[in-house]
PDB file of all heavy atoms in Angstrom:
ATOM      1  N   ARG A   1      -1.417  -4.023   2.212  1.00  0.00           N
ATOM      2  CA  ARG A   1      -2.016  -4.294   3.521  1.00  0.00           C
ATOM      3  C   ARG A   1      -1.189  -3.709   4.652  1.00  0.00           C
ATOM      4  O   ARG A   1      -1.731  -3.028   5.561  1.00  0.00           O
ATOM      5  CB  ARG A   1      -2.161  -5.807   3.701  1.00  0.00           C
ATOM      6  CG  ARG A   1      -2.556  -6.244   5.078  1.00  0.00           C
ATOM      7  CD  ARG A   1      -2.365  -7.752   5.264  1.00  0.00           C
ATOM      8  NE  ARG A   1      -2.565  -8.122   6.664  1.00  0.00           N
ATOM      9  CZ  ARG A   1      -2.220  -9.333   7.133  1.00  0.00           C
ATOM     10  NH1 ARG A   1      -1.669 -10.222   6.363  1.00  0.00           N
ATOM     11  NH2 ARG A   1      -2.437  -9.618   8.412  1.00  0.00           N
ATOM     12  N   PHE A   2       0.109  -3.926   4.633  1.00  0.00           N
ATOM     13  CA  PHE A   2       0.955  -3.407   5.678  1.00  0.00           C
ATOM     14  C   PHE A   2       1.012  -1.893   5.616  1.00  0.00           C
ATOM     15  O   PHE A   2       1.029  -1.207   6.659  1.00  0.00           O
ATOM     16  CB  PHE A   2       2.385  -4.018   5.559  1.00  0.00           C
ATOM     17  CG  PHE A   2       2.513  -5.349   6.267  1.00  0.00           C
ATOM     18  CD1 PHE A   2       2.081  -6.526   5.638  1.00  0.00           C
ATOM     19  CD2 PHE A   2       3.091  -5.423   7.528  1.00  0.00           C
ATOM     20  CE1 PHE A   2       2.199  -7.756   6.292  1.00  0.00           C
ATOM     21  CE2 PHE A   2       3.219  -6.668   8.164  1.00  0.00           C
ATOM     22  CZ  PHE A   2       2.789  -7.817   7.521  1.00  0.00           C
ATOM     23  N   GLU A   3       1.111  -1.324   4.434  1.00  0.00           N
ATOM     24  CA  GLU A   3       1.153   0.137   4.320  1.00  0.00           C
ATOM     25  C   GLU A   3      -0.147   0.736   4.865  1.00  0.00           C
ATOM     26  O   GLU A   3      -0.129   1.771   5.525  1.00  0.00           O
ATOM     27  CB  GLU A   3       1.363   0.517   2.870  1.00  0.00           C
ATOM     28  CG  GLU A   3       2.760   0.275   2.387  1.00  0.00           C
ATOM     29  CD  GLU A   3       2.970   0.593   0.884  1.00  0.00           C
ATOM     30  OE1 GLU A   3       1.960   0.683   0.152  1.00  0.00           O
ATOM     31  OE2 GLU A   3       4.130   0.817   0.466  1.00  0.00           O
ATOM     32  N   ALA A   4      -1.260   0.085   4.606  1.00  0.00           N
ATOM     33  CA  ALA A   4      -2.537   0.602   5.106  1.00  0.00           C
ATOM     34  C   ALA A   4      -2.585   0.573   6.641  1.00  0.00           C
ATOM     35  O   ALA A   4      -3.303   1.416   7.260  1.00  0.00           O
ATOM     36  CB  ALA A   4      -3.694  -0.230   4.542  1.00  0.00           C
ATOM     37  N   ALA A   5      -1.839  -0.334   7.249  1.00  0.00           N
ATOM     38  CA  ALA A   5      -1.788  -0.428   8.696  1.00  0.00           C
ATOM     39  C   ALA A   5      -0.732   0.463   9.316  1.00  0.00           C
ATOM     40  O   ALA A   5      -0.478   0.426  10.548  1.00  0.00           O
ATOM     41  CB  ALA A   5      -1.526  -1.881   9.133  1.00  0.00           C
ATOM     42  N   GLY A   6      -0.059   1.275   8.497  1.00  0.00           N
ATOM     43  CA  GLY A   6       0.902   2.227   9.011  1.00  0.00           C
ATOM     44  C   GLY A   6       2.330   1.710   9.060  1.00  0.00           C
ATOM     45  O   GLY A   6       3.165   2.264   9.777  1.00  0.00           O
ATOM     46  N   TRP A   7       2.643   0.704   8.244  1.00  0.00           N
ATOM     47  CA  TRP A   7       4.012   0.170   8.175  1.00  0.00           C
ATOM     48  C   TRP A   7       4.728   0.699   6.975  1.00  0.00           C
ATOM     49  O   TRP A   7       4.127   1.145   5.992  1.00  0.00           O
ATOM     50  CB  TRP A   7       3.948  -1.372   8.071  1.00  0.00           C
ATOM     51  CG  TRP A   7       3.538  -2.109   9.285  1.00  0.00           C
ATOM     52  CD1 TRP A   7       2.388  -1.916  10.032  1.00  0.00           C
ATOM     53  CD2 TRP A   7       4.247  -3.178   9.910  1.00  0.00           C
ATOM     54  NE1 TRP A   7       2.348  -2.813  11.061  1.00  0.00           N
ATOM     55  CE2 TRP A   7       3.473  -3.588  11.026  1.00  0.00           C
ATOM     56  CE3 TRP A   7       5.478  -3.824   9.648  1.00  0.00           C
ATOM     57  CZ2 TRP A   7       3.888  -4.643  11.868  1.00  0.00           C
ATOM     58  CZ3 TRP A   7       5.854  -4.865  10.482  1.00  0.00           C
ATOM     59  CH2 TRP A   7       5.085  -5.278  11.574  1.00  0.00           C
ATOM     60  N   ASP A   8       6.040   0.628   7.031  1.00  0.00           N
ATOM     61  CA  ASP A   8       6.896   0.835   5.871  1.00  0.00           C
ATOM     62  C   ASP A   8       7.014  -0.574   5.245  1.00  0.00           C
ATOM     63  O   ASP A   8       7.379  -1.536   5.929  1.00  0.00           O
ATOM     64  CB  ASP A   8       8.240   1.356   6.254  1.00  0.00           C
ATOM     65  CG  ASP A   8       9.141   1.673   5.078  1.00  0.00           C
ATOM     66  OD1 ASP A   8       9.000   2.735   4.474  1.00  0.00           O
ATOM     67  OD2 ASP A   8       9.969   0.752   4.703  1.00  0.00           O
ATOM     68  N   ALA A   9       6.707  -0.697   3.952  1.00  0.00           N
ATOM     69  CA  ALA A   9       6.720  -2.047   3.319  1.00  0.00           C
ATOM     70  C   ALA A   9       7.372  -1.953   1.942  1.00  0.00           C
ATOM     71  O   ALA A   9       7.172  -0.989   1.174  1.00  0.00           O
ATOM     72  CB  ALA A   9       5.314  -2.586   3.219  1.00  0.00           C
ATOM     73  N   THR A  10       8.124  -2.998   1.647  1.00  0.00           N
ATOM     74  CA  THR A  10       8.790  -3.083   0.331  1.00  0.00           C
ATOM     75  C   THR A  10       8.972  -4.522  -0.042  1.00  0.00           C
ATOM     76  O   THR A  10       8.850  -5.424   0.786  1.00  0.00           O
ATOM     77  CB  THR A  10      10.151  -2.354   0.393  1.00  0.00           C
ATOM     78  OG1 THR A  10      10.697  -2.282  -0.921  1.00  0.00           O
ATOM     79  CG2 THR A  10      11.134  -3.100   1.297  1.00  0.00           C
ATOM     80  N   ARG A  11       9.249  -4.774  -1.325  1.00  0.00           N
ATOM     81  CA  ARG A  11       9.513  -6.121  -1.806  1.00  0.00           C
ATOM     82  C   ARG A  11      10.869  -6.206  -2.469  1.00  0.00           C
ATOM     83  O   ARG A  11      11.266  -5.258  -3.241  1.00  0.00           O
ATOM     84  CB  ARG A  11       8.423  -6.587  -2.808  1.00  0.00           C
ATOM     85  CG  ARG A  11       8.654  -7.976  -3.353  1.00  0.00           C
ATOM     86  CD  ARG A  11       7.468  -8.460  -4.182  1.00  0.00           C
ATOM     87  NE  ARG A  11       6.453  -9.048  -3.331  1.00  0.00           N
ATOM     88  CZ  ARG A  11       5.238  -8.540  -3.145  1.00  0.00           C
ATOM     89  NH1 ARG A  11       4.885  -7.414  -3.754  1.00  0.00           N
ATOM     90  NH2 ARG A  11       4.367  -9.123  -2.357  1.00  0.00           N
ATOM     91  N   ILE A  12      11.652  -7.239  -2.186  1.00  0.00           N
ATOM     92  CA  ILE A  12      12.992  -7.392  -2.708  1.00  0.00           C
ATOM     93  C   ILE A  12      13.188  -8.815  -3.236  1.00  0.00           C
ATOM     94  O   ILE A  12      12.407  -9.715  -2.945  1.00  0.00           O
ATOM     95  CB  ILE A  12      14.037  -7.064  -1.670  1.00  0.00           C
ATOM     96  CG1 ILE A  12      13.930  -8.061  -0.480  1.00  0.00           C
ATOM     97  CG2 ILE A  12      13.982  -5.618  -1.184  1.00  0.00           C
ATOM     98  CD1 ILE A  12      15.124  -8.021   0.458  1.00  0.00           C
ATOM     99  N   ASP A  13      14.319  -9.034  -3.855  1.00  0.00           N
ATOM    100  CA  ASP A  13      14.768 -10.355  -4.244  1.00  0.00           C
ATOM    101  C   ASP A  13      15.478 -10.975  -3.038  1.00  0.00           C
ATOM    102  O   ASP A  13      16.503 -10.511  -2.590  1.00  0.00           O
ATOM    103  CB  ASP A  13      15.763 -10.277  -5.419  1.00  0.00           C
ATOM    104  CG  ASP A  13      16.306 -11.639  -5.845  1.00  0.00           C
ATOM    105  OD1 ASP A  13      16.037 -12.649  -5.162  1.00  0.00           O
ATOM    106  OD2 ASP A  13      17.019 -11.685  -6.865  1.00  0.00           O
ATOM    107  N   GLY A  14      14.865 -11.990  -2.442  1.00  0.00           N
ATOM    108  CA  GLY A  14      15.360 -12.584  -1.215  1.00  0.00           C
ATOM    109  C   GLY A  14      16.625 -13.436  -1.419  1.00  0.00           C
ATOM    110  O   GLY A  14      17.129 -14.023  -0.463  1.00  0.00           O
ATOM    111  N   HIS A  15      17.149 -13.499  -2.653  1.00  0.00           N
ATOM    112  CA  HIS A  15      18.373 -14.187  -2.910  1.00  0.00           C
ATOM    113  C   HIS A  15      19.501 -13.224  -3.360  1.00  0.00           C
ATOM    114  O   HIS A  15      20.588 -13.684  -3.771  1.00  0.00           O
ATOM    115  CB  HIS A  15      18.177 -15.281  -3.959  1.00  0.00           C
ATOM    116  CG  HIS A  15      17.157 -16.341  -3.546  1.00  0.00           C
ATOM    117  ND1 HIS A  15      17.290 -17.082  -2.453  1.00  0.00           N
ATOM    118  CD2 HIS A  15      15.962 -16.679  -4.112  1.00  0.00           C
ATOM    119  CE1 HIS A  15      16.293 -17.917  -2.325  1.00  0.00           C
ATOM    120  NE2 HIS A  15      15.428 -17.649  -3.293  1.00  0.00           N
ATOM    121  N   ASP A  16      19.253 -11.938  -3.190  1.00  0.00           N
ATOM    122  CA  ASP A  16      20.227 -10.912  -3.526  1.00  0.00           C
ATOM    123  C   ASP A  16      20.750 -10.279  -2.251  1.00  0.00           C
ATOM    124  O   ASP A  16      20.065  -9.438  -1.640  1.00  0.00           O
ATOM    125  CB  ASP A  16      19.584  -9.843  -4.409  1.00  0.00           C
ATOM    126  CG  ASP A  16      20.527  -8.727  -4.835  1.00  0.00           C
ATOM    127  OD1 ASP A  16      21.663  -8.623  -4.278  1.00  0.00           O
ATOM    128  OD2 ASP A  16      20.155  -7.964  -5.732  1.00  0.00           O
ATOM    129  N   PRO A  17      21.935 -10.665  -1.795  1.00  0.00           N
ATOM    130  CA  PRO A  17      22.459 -10.174  -0.544  1.00  0.00           C
ATOM    131  C   PRO A  17      22.514  -8.645  -0.436  1.00  0.00           C
ATOM    132  O   PRO A  17      22.235  -8.064   0.594  1.00  0.00           O
ATOM    133  CB  PRO A  17      23.874 -10.777  -0.427  1.00  0.00           C
ATOM    134  CG  PRO A  17      23.780 -12.053  -1.255  1.00  0.00           C
ATOM    135  CD  PRO A  17      22.862 -11.655  -2.412  1.00  0.00           C
ATOM    136  N   ALA A  18      22.862  -8.002  -1.560  1.00  0.00           N
ATOM    137  CA  ALA A  18      22.951  -6.531  -1.512  1.00  0.00           C
ATOM    138  C   ALA A  18      21.547  -5.914  -1.299  1.00  0.00           C
ATOM    139  O   ALA A  18      21.414  -4.929  -0.545  1.00  0.00           O
ATOM    140  CB  ALA A  18      23.569  -6.017  -2.817  1.00  0.00           C
ATOM    141  N   ALA A  19      20.550  -6.459  -1.979  1.00  0.00           N
ATOM    142  CA  ALA A  19      19.200  -5.932  -1.827  1.00  0.00           C
ATOM    143  C   ALA A  19      18.668  -6.200  -0.403  1.00  0.00           C
ATOM    144  O   ALA A  19      18.000  -5.337   0.172  1.00  0.00           O
ATOM    145  CB  ALA A  19      18.281  -6.588  -2.862  1.00  0.00           C
ATOM    146  N   ILE A  20      18.985  -7.347   0.110  1.00  0.00           N
ATOM    147  CA  ILE A  20      18.569  -7.657   1.488  1.00  0.00           C
ATOM    148  C   ILE A  20      19.167  -6.666   2.478  1.00  0.00           C
ATOM    149  O   ILE A  20      18.485  -6.084   3.318  1.00  0.00           O
ATOM    150  CB  ILE A  20      18.981  -9.111   1.870  1.00  0.00           C
ATOM    151  CG1 ILE A  20      18.298 -10.127   0.938  1.00  0.00           C
ATOM    152  CG2 ILE A  20      18.651  -9.410   3.329  1.00  0.00           C
ATOM    153  CD1 ILE A  20      18.912 -11.511   1.001  1.00  0.00           C
ATOM    154  N   ALA A  21      20.475  -6.448   2.361  1.00  0.00           N
ATOM    155  CA  ALA A  21      21.188  -5.536   3.281  1.00  0.00           C
ATOM    156  C   ALA A  21      20.649  -4.146   3.148  1.00  0.00           C
ATOM    157  O   ALA A  21      20.445  -3.423   4.154  1.00  0.00           O
ATOM    158  CB  ALA A  21      22.689  -5.571   3.013  1.00  0.00           C
ATOM    159  N   SER A  22      20.409  -3.713   1.944  1.00  0.00           N
ATOM    160  CA  SER A  22      19.899  -2.304   1.731  1.00  0.00           C
ATOM    161  C   SER A  22      18.530  -2.140   2.318  1.00  0.00           C
ATOM    162  O   SER A  22      18.277  -1.131   2.948  1.00  0.00           O
ATOM    163  CB  SER A  22      19.836  -2.049   0.200  1.00  0.00           C
ATOM    164  OG  SER A  22      19.299  -0.755  -0.033  1.00  0.00           O
ATOM    165  N   ALA A  23      17.676  -3.147   2.179  1.00  0.00           N
ATOM    166  CA  ALA A  23      16.308  -3.068   2.721  1.00  0.00           C
ATOM    167  C   ALA A  23      16.312  -3.021   4.243  1.00  0.00           C
ATOM    168  O   ALA A  23      15.587  -2.257   4.871  1.00  0.00           O
ATOM    169  CB  ALA A  23      15.448  -4.260   2.223  1.00  0.00           C
ATOM    170  N   ILE A  24      17.154  -3.860   4.877  1.00  0.00           N
ATOM    171  CA  ILE A  24      17.199  -3.879   6.337  1.00  0.00           C
ATOM    172  C   ILE A  24      17.799  -2.552   6.827  1.00  0.00           C
ATOM    173  O   ILE A  24      17.293  -1.966   7.855  1.00  0.00           O
ATOM    174  CB  ILE A  24      18.031  -5.060   6.872  1.00  0.00           C
ATOM    175  CG1 ILE A  24      17.359  -6.388   6.448  1.00  0.00           C
ATOM    176  CG2 ILE A  24      18.200  -4.964   8.382  1.00  0.00           C
ATOM    177  CD1 ILE A  24      18.171  -7.614   6.798  1.00  0.00           C
ATOM    178  N   ALA A  25      18.826  -2.076   6.163  1.00  0.00           N
ATOM    179  CA  ALA A  25      19.412  -0.770   6.565  1.00  0.00           C
ATOM    180  C   ALA A  25      18.393   0.366   6.473  1.00  0.00           C
ATOM    181  O   ALA A  25      18.319   1.218   7.360  1.00  0.00           O
ATOM    182  CB  ALA A  25      20.637  -0.464   5.682  1.00  0.00           C
ATOM    183  N   HIS A  26      17.608   0.343   5.416  1.00  0.00           N
ATOM    184  CA  HIS A  26      16.553   1.379   5.293  1.00  0.00           C
ATOM    185  C   HIS A  26      15.530   1.227   6.419  1.00  0.00           C
ATOM    186  O   HIS A  26      15.074   2.210   6.994  1.00  0.00           O
ATOM    187  CB  HIS A  26      15.879   1.253   3.944  1.00  0.00           C
ATOM    188  CG  HIS A  26      14.617   2.088   3.811  1.00  0.00           C
ATOM    189  ND1 HIS A  26      14.633   3.464   3.721  1.00  0.00           N
ATOM    190  CD2 HIS A  26      13.302   1.755   3.841  1.00  0.00           C
ATOM    191  CE1 HIS A  26      13.415   3.923   3.671  1.00  0.00           C
ATOM    192  NE2 HIS A  26      12.571   2.888   3.759  1.00  0.00           N
ATOM    193  N   ALA A  27      15.135  -0.024   6.726  1.00  0.00           N
ATOM    194  CA  ALA A  27      14.117  -0.242   7.753  1.00  0.00           C
ATOM    195  C   ALA A  27      14.519   0.329   9.080  1.00  0.00           C
ATOM    196  O   ALA A  27      13.677   0.763   9.873  1.00  0.00           O
ATOM    197  CB  ALA A  27      13.832  -1.733   7.862  1.00  0.00           C
TER     198      ALA A  27
END
C-alpha cells in the first residue's frame, strides 16, 4: 500500500536494535 503511494517501505524485527537502526539510517 505504501509503495503504491510512492513511499519507501520495508518490514523489520522491531525488537532487533541493529535492524531498527539500519532501517532508519536507510530511510
